[in-house]
Amino acid sequence: MIGAVRSPARPDEAAQYIEQVATQLRDLAQSSGYSFLAYLIDMARLEAASKAAAAVRPLAVD
């Protein structure tokens, strides 16, 4: 095991952490020549970034 996985307390913290780790995994896959795997991991990174951003945006008030 490379490192211990920390356990974020809140869902937005989890999404931010997933985004960070996915970025590292994407870069590793890309530098290893696994372009399609890097693409798939980047899609997961984008989803995590979207979830993290949604958690910090205030809800619209009508």
PDB file of N, CA and C in Angstrom:
ATOM      1  N   MET A   1       0.849  -1.170   0.000  1.00  0.00           N
ATOM      2  CA  MET A   1       0.000   0.000   0.000  1.00  0.00           C
ATOM      3  C   MET A   1       0.896   1.236   0.000  1.00  0.00           C
ATOM      4  N   ILE A   2       0.594   2.191  -0.888  1.00  0.00           N
ATOM      5  CA  ILE A   2       1.425   3.375  -1.027  1.00  0.00           C
ATOM      6  C   ILE A   2       1.250   4.314   0.156  1.00  0.00           C
ATOM      7  N   GLY A   3       0.042   4.556   0.561  1.00  0.00           N
ATOM      8  CA  GLY A   3      -0.217   5.464   1.672  1.00  0.00           C
ATOM      9  C   GLY A   3      -1.578   5.185   2.260  1.00  0.00           C
ATOM     10  N   ALA A   4      -1.767   5.634   3.461  1.00  0.00           N
ATOM     11  CA  ALA A   4      -3.046   5.423   4.125  1.00  0.00           C
ATOM     12  C   ALA A   4      -4.079   6.384   3.552  1.00  0.00           C
ATOM     13  N   VAL A   5      -5.302   5.917   3.435  1.00  0.00           N
ATOM     14  CA  VAL A   5      -6.402   6.757   2.975  1.00  0.00           C
ATOM     15  C   VAL A   5      -6.997   7.445   4.178  1.00  0.00           C
ATOM     16  N   ARG A   6      -7.054   8.762   4.113  1.00  0.00           N
ATOM     17  CA  ARG A   6      -7.651   9.480   5.232  1.00  0.00           C
ATOM     18  C   ARG A   6      -9.160   9.457   5.088  1.00  0.00           C
ATOM     19  N   SER A   7      -9.861   9.699   6.156  1.00  0.00           N
ATOM     20  CA  SER A   7     -11.312   9.654   6.161  1.00  0.00           C
ATOM     21  C   SER A   7     -11.866  11.055   6.410  1.00  0.00           C
ATOM     22  N   PRO A   8     -12.195  11.788   5.334  1.00  0.00           N
ATOM     23  CA  PRO A   8     -12.736  13.129   5.501  1.00  0.00           C
ATOM     24  C   PRO A   8     -14.055  13.105   6.272  1.00  0.00           C
ATOM     25  N   ALA A   9     -14.278  14.143   7.048  1.00  0.00           N
ATOM     26  CA  ALA A   9     -15.452  14.205   7.907  1.00  0.00           C
ATOM     27  C   ALA A   9     -16.723  14.562   7.153  1.00  0.00           C
ATOM     28  N   ARG A  10     -16.612  15.403   6.135  1.00  0.00           N
ATOM     29  CA  ARG A  10     -17.802  15.871   5.427  1.00  0.00           C
ATOM     30  C   ARG A  10     -17.762  15.435   3.963  1.00  0.00           C
ATOM     31  N   PRO A  11     -18.929  15.311   3.331  1.00  0.00           N
ATOM     32  CA  PRO A  11     -18.959  14.918   1.917  1.00  0.00           C
ATOM     33  C   PRO A  11     -18.177  15.859   1.000  1.00  0.00           C
ATOM     34  N   ASP A  12     -18.219  17.173   1.261  1.00  0.00           N
ATOM     35  CA  ASP A  12     -17.464  18.093   0.405  1.00  0.00           C
ATOM     36  C   ASP A  12     -15.960  17.888   0.564  1.00  0.00           C
ATOM     37  N   GLU A  13     -15.528  17.544   1.778  1.00  0.00           N
ATOM     38  CA  GLU A  13     -14.108  17.243   1.995  1.00  0.00           C
ATOM     39  C   GLU A  13     -13.722  15.958   1.264  1.00  0.00           C
ATOM     40  N   ALA A  14     -14.614  14.991   1.283  1.00  0.00           N
ATOM     41  CA  ALA A  14     -14.353  13.733   0.564  1.00  0.00           C
ATOM     42  C   ALA A  14     -14.218  13.998  -0.929  1.00  0.00           C
ATOM     43  N   ALA A  15     -15.115  14.819  -1.477  1.00  0.00           N
ATOM     44  CA  ALA A  15     -15.060  15.135  -2.907  1.00  0.00           C
ATOM     45  C   ALA A  15     -13.759  15.848  -3.258  1.00  0.00           C
ATOM     46  N   GLN A  16     -13.324  16.770  -2.413  1.00  0.00           N
ATOM     47  CA  GLN A  16     -12.067  17.477  -2.657  1.00  0.00           C
ATOM     48  C   GLN A  16     -10.885  16.508  -2.612  1.00  0.00           C
ATOM     49  N   TYR A  17     -10.900  15.605  -1.653  1.00  0.00           N
ATOM     50  CA  TYR A  17      -9.816  14.630  -1.528  1.00  0.00           C
ATOM     51  C   TYR A  17      -9.786  13.696  -2.736  1.00  0.00           C
ATOM     52  N   ILE A  18     -10.953  13.239  -3.152  1.00  0.00           N
ATOM     53  CA  ILE A  18     -11.040  12.369  -4.332  1.00  0.00           C
ATOM     54  C   ILE A  18     -10.502  13.098  -5.560  1.00  0.00           C
ATOM     55  N   GLU A  19     -10.840  14.366  -5.681  1.00  0.00           N
ATOM     56  CA  GLU A  19     -10.330  15.158  -6.809  1.00  0.00           C
ATOM     57  C   GLU A  19      -8.805  15.209  -6.795  1.00  0.00           C
ATOM     58  N   GLN A  20      -8.219  15.432  -5.633  1.00  0.00           N
ATOM     59  CA  GLN A  20      -6.755  15.504  -5.515  1.00  0.00           C
ATOM     60  C   GLN A  20      -6.098  14.176  -5.881  1.00  0.00           C
ATOM     61  N   VAL A  21      -6.640  13.097  -5.343  1.00  0.00           N
ATOM     62  CA  VAL A  21      -6.056  11.779  -5.604  1.00  0.00           C
ATOM     63  C   VAL A  21      -6.249  11.390  -7.068  1.00  0.00           C
ATOM     64  N   ALA A  22      -7.414  11.704  -7.615  1.00  0.00           N
ATOM     65  CA  ALA A  22      -7.667  11.388  -9.024  1.00  0.00           C
ATOM     66  C   ALA A  22      -6.710  12.143  -9.935  1.00  0.00           C
ATOM     67  N   THR A  23      -6.365  13.361  -9.569  1.00  0.00           N
ATOM     68  CA  THR A  23      -5.399  14.129 -10.358  1.00  0.00           C
ATOM     69  C   THR A  23      -4.061  13.406 -10.382  1.00  0.00           C
ATOM     70  N   GLN A  24      -3.628  12.930  -9.240  1.00  0.00           N
ATOM     71  CA  GLN A  24      -2.355  12.206  -9.173  1.00  0.00           C
ATOM     72  C   GLN A  24      -2.424  10.906  -9.971  1.00  0.00           C
ATOM     73  N   LEU A  25      -3.535  10.191  -9.858  1.00  0.00           N
ATOM     74  CA  LEU A  25      -3.686   8.934 -10.604  1.00  0.00           C
ATOM     75  C   LEU A  25      -3.744   9.187 -12.109  1.00  0.00           C
ATOM     76  N   ARG A  26      -4.442  10.246 -12.511  1.00  0.00           N
ATOM     77  CA  ARG A  26      -4.506  10.596 -13.927  1.00  0.00           C
ATOM     78  C   ARG A  26      -3.119  10.877 -14.472  1.00  0.00           C
ATOM     79  N   ASP A  27      -2.344  11.666 -13.725  1.00  0.00           N
ATOM     80  CA  ASP A  27      -0.987  11.998 -14.168  1.00  0.00           C
ATOM     81  C   ASP A  27      -0.109  10.754 -14.256  1.00  0.00           C
ATOM     82  N   LEU A  28      -0.239   9.858 -13.300  1.00  0.00           N
ATOM     83  CA  LEU A  28       0.521   8.613 -13.321  1.00  0.00           C
ATOM     84  C   LEU A  28       0.150   7.763 -14.529  1.00  0.00           C
ATOM     85  N   ALA A  29      -1.136   7.631 -14.777  1.00  0.00           N
ATOM     86  CA  ALA A  29      -1.587   6.847 -15.928  1.00  0.00           C
ATOM     87  C   ALA A  29      -1.081   7.461 -17.229  1.00  0.00           C
ATOM     88  N   GLN A  30      -1.176   8.775 -17.337  1.00  0.00           N
ATOM     89  CA  GLN A  30      -0.730   9.457 -18.556  1.00  0.00           C
ATOM     90  C   GLN A  30       0.764   9.276 -18.778  1.00  0.00           C
ATOM     91  N   SER A  31       1.549   9.450 -17.725  1.00  0.00           N
ATOM     92  CA  SER A  31       3.005   9.331 -17.875  1.00  0.00           C
ATOM     93  C   SER A  31       3.441   7.886 -18.114  1.00  0.00           C
ATOM     94  N   SER A  32       2.561   6.940 -17.808  1.00  0.00           N
ATOM     95  CA  SER A  32       2.865   5.524 -18.036  1.00  0.00           C
ATOM     96  C   SER A  32       2.368   5.036 -19.395  1.00  0.00           C
ATOM     97  N   GLY A  33       1.764   5.946 -20.139  1.00  0.00           N
ATOM     98  CA  GLY A  33       1.306   5.584 -21.479  1.00  0.00           C
ATOM     99  C   GLY A  33      -0.096   5.008 -21.526  1.00  0.00           C
ATOM    100  N   TYR A  34      -0.848   5.137 -20.456  1.00  0.00           N
ATOM    101  CA  TYR A  34      -2.212   4.616 -20.408  1.00  0.00           C
ATOM    102  C   TYR A  34      -3.200   5.757 -20.653  1.00  0.00           C
ATOM    103  N   SER A  35      -3.257   6.210 -21.908  1.00  0.00           N
ATOM    104  CA  SER A  35      -4.058   7.388 -22.246  1.00  0.00           C
ATOM    105  C   SER A  35      -5.538   7.206 -21.947  1.00  0.00           C
ATOM    106  N   PHE A  36      -6.098   6.060 -22.307  1.00  0.00           N
ATOM    107  CA  PHE A  36      -7.524   5.859 -22.077  1.00  0.00           C
ATOM    108  C   PHE A  36      -7.830   5.766 -20.589  1.00  0.00           C
ATOM    109  N   LEU A  37      -6.985   5.105 -19.844  1.00  0.00           N
ATOM    110  CA  LEU A  37      -7.161   5.035 -18.395  1.00  0.00           C
ATOM    111  C   LEU A  37      -7.060   6.433 -17.788  1.00  0.00           C
ATOM    112  N   ALA A  38      -6.121   7.226 -18.267  1.00  0.00           N
ATOM    113  CA  ALA A  38      -5.988   8.603 -17.793  1.00  0.00           C
ATOM    114  C   ALA A  38      -7.260   9.388 -18.076  1.00  0.00           C
ATOM    115  N   TYR A  39      -7.846   9.167 -19.241  1.00  0.00           N
ATOM    116  CA  TYR A  39      -9.099   9.835 -19.605  1.00  0.00           C
ATOM    117  C   TYR A  39     -10.220   9.439 -18.643  1.00  0.00           C
ATOM    118  N   LEU A  40     -10.353   8.162 -18.375  1.00  0.00           N
ATOM    119  CA  LEU A  40     -11.416   7.691 -17.475  1.00  0.00           C
ATOM    120  C   LEU A  40     -11.228   8.250 -16.060  1.00  0.00           C
ATOM    121  N   ILE A  41     -10.004   8.246 -15.592  1.00  0.00           N
ATOM    122  CA  ILE A  41      -9.730   8.798 -14.265  1.00  0.00           C
ATOM    123  C   ILE A  41     -10.035  10.287 -14.242  1.00  0.00           C
ATOM    124  N   ASP A  42      -9.742  10.980 -15.337  1.00  0.00           N
ATOM    125  CA  ASP A  42     -10.033  12.407 -15.389  1.00  0.00           C
ATOM    126  C   ASP A  42     -11.536  12.667 -15.336  1.00  0.00           C
ATOM    127  N   MET A  43     -12.324  11.786 -15.903  1.00  0.00           N
ATOM    128  CA  MET A  43     -13.780  11.933 -15.808  1.00  0.00           C
ATOM    129  C   MET A  43     -14.223  11.818 -14.340  1.00  0.00           C
ATOM    130  N   ALA A  44     -13.618  10.902 -13.601  1.00  0.00           N
ATOM    131  CA  ALA A  44     -13.923  10.775 -12.169  1.00  0.00           C
ATOM    132  C   ALA A  44     -13.468  12.023 -11.421  1.00  0.00           C
ATOM    133  N   ARG A  45     -12.315  12.578 -11.813  1.00  0.00           N
ATOM    134  CA  ARG A  45     -11.818  13.800 -11.190  1.00  0.00           C
ATOM    135  C   ARG A  45     -12.780  14.959 -11.412  1.00  0.00           C
ATOM    136  N   LEU A  46     -13.276  15.074 -12.634  1.00  0.00           N
ATOM    137  CA  LEU A  46     -14.220  16.147 -12.943  1.00  0.00           C
ATOM    138  C   LEU A  46     -15.521  15.998 -12.159  1.00  0.00           C
ATOM    139  N   GLU A  47     -15.987  14.791 -12.005  1.00  0.00           N
ATOM    140  CA  GLU A  47     -17.204  14.547 -11.218  1.00  0.00           C
ATOM    141  C   GLU A  47     -16.978  14.933  -9.757  1.00  0.00           C
ATOM    142  N   ALA A  48     -15.837  14.564  -9.223  1.00  0.00           N
ATOM    143  CA  ALA A  48     -15.530  14.923  -7.839  1.00  0.00           C
ATOM    144  C   ALA A  48     -15.424  16.436  -7.686  1.00  0.00           C
ATOM    145  N   ALA A  49     -14.805  17.098  -8.651  1.00  0.00           N
ATOM    146  CA  ALA A  49     -14.685  18.560  -8.608  1.00  0.00           C
ATOM    147  C   ALA A  49     -16.061  19.204  -8.653  1.00  0.00           C
ATOM    148  N   SER A  50     -16.949  18.642  -9.450  1.00  0.00           N
ATOM    149  CA  SER A  50     -18.314  19.159  -9.546  1.00  0.00           C
ATOM    150  C   SER A  50     -19.051  19.012  -8.218  1.00  0.00           C
ATOM    151  N   LYS A  51     -18.897  17.866  -7.584  1.00  0.00           N
ATOM    152  CA  LYS A  51     -19.536  17.626  -6.281  1.00  0.00           C
ATOM    153  C   LYS A  51     -18.975  18.563  -5.220  1.00  0.00           C
ATOM    154  N   ALA A  52     -17.665  18.782  -5.240  1.00  0.00           N
ATOM    155  CA  ALA A  52     -17.040  19.675  -4.266  1.00  0.00           C
ATOM    156  C   ALA A  52     -17.519  21.103  -4.469  1.00  0.00           C
ATOM    157  N   ALA A  53     -17.602  21.532  -5.721  1.00  0.00           N
ATOM    158  CA  ALA A  53     -18.061  22.894  -6.006  1.00  0.00           C
ATOM    159  C   ALA A  53     -19.522  23.076  -5.625  1.00  0.00           C
ATOM    160  N   ALA A  54     -20.329  22.082  -5.883  1.00  0.00           N
ATOM    161  CA  ALA A  54     -21.763  22.161  -5.550  1.00  0.00           C
ATOM    162  C   ALA A  54     -21.967  22.259  -4.055  1.00  0.00           C
ATOM    163  N   ALA A  55     -21.094  21.647  -3.291  1.00  0.00           N
ATOM    164  CA  ALA A  55     -21.233  21.657  -1.834  1.00  0.00           C
ATOM    165  C   ALA A  55     -20.941  23.021  -1.238  1.00  0.00           C
ATOM    166  N   VAL A  56     -20.131  23.825  -1.908  1.00  0.00           N
ATOM    167  CA  VAL A  56     -19.790  25.127  -1.361  1.00  0.00           C
ATOM    168  C   VAL A  56     -20.649  26.256  -1.924  1.00  0.00           C
ATOM    169  N   ARG A  57     -21.377  25.990  -3.024  1.00  0.00           N
ATOM    170  CA  ARG A  57     -22.271  27.003  -3.576  1.00  0.00           C
ATOM    171  C   ARG A  57     -23.530  27.112  -2.746  1.00  0.00           C
ATOM    172  N   PRO A  58     -23.954  28.302  -2.415  1.00  0.00           N
ATOM    173  CA  PRO A  58     -25.227  28.434  -1.696  1.00  0.00           C
ATOM    174  C   PRO A  58     -26.389  28.081  -2.616  1.00  0.00           C
ATOM    175  N   LEU A  59     -27.435  27.553  -2.034  1.00  0.00           N
ATOM    176  CA  LEU A  59     -28.634  27.215  -2.799  1.00  0.00           C
ATOM    177  C   LEU A  59     -29.309  28.496  -3.286  1.00  0.00           C
ATOM    178  N   ALA A  60     -29.852  28.442  -4.477  1.00  0.00           N
ATOM    179  CA  ALA A  60     -30.564  29.590  -5.027  1.00  0.00           C
ATOM    180  C   ALA A  60     -31.861  29.795  -4.274  1.00  0.00           C
ATOM    181  N   VAL A  61     -32.161  31.042  -3.984  1.00  0.00           N
ATOM    182  CA  VAL A  61     -33.395  31.389  -3.292  1.00  0.00           C
ATOM    183  C   VAL A  61     -34.338  32.039  -4.283  1.00  0.00           C
ATOM    184  N   ASP A  62     -35.515  31.478  -4.401  1.00  0.00           N
ATOM    185  CA  ASP A  62     -36.503  32.037  -5.336  1.00  0.00           C
ATOM    186  C   ASP A  62     -37.305  33.124  -4.704  1.00  0.00           C
TER     187      ASP A  62
END
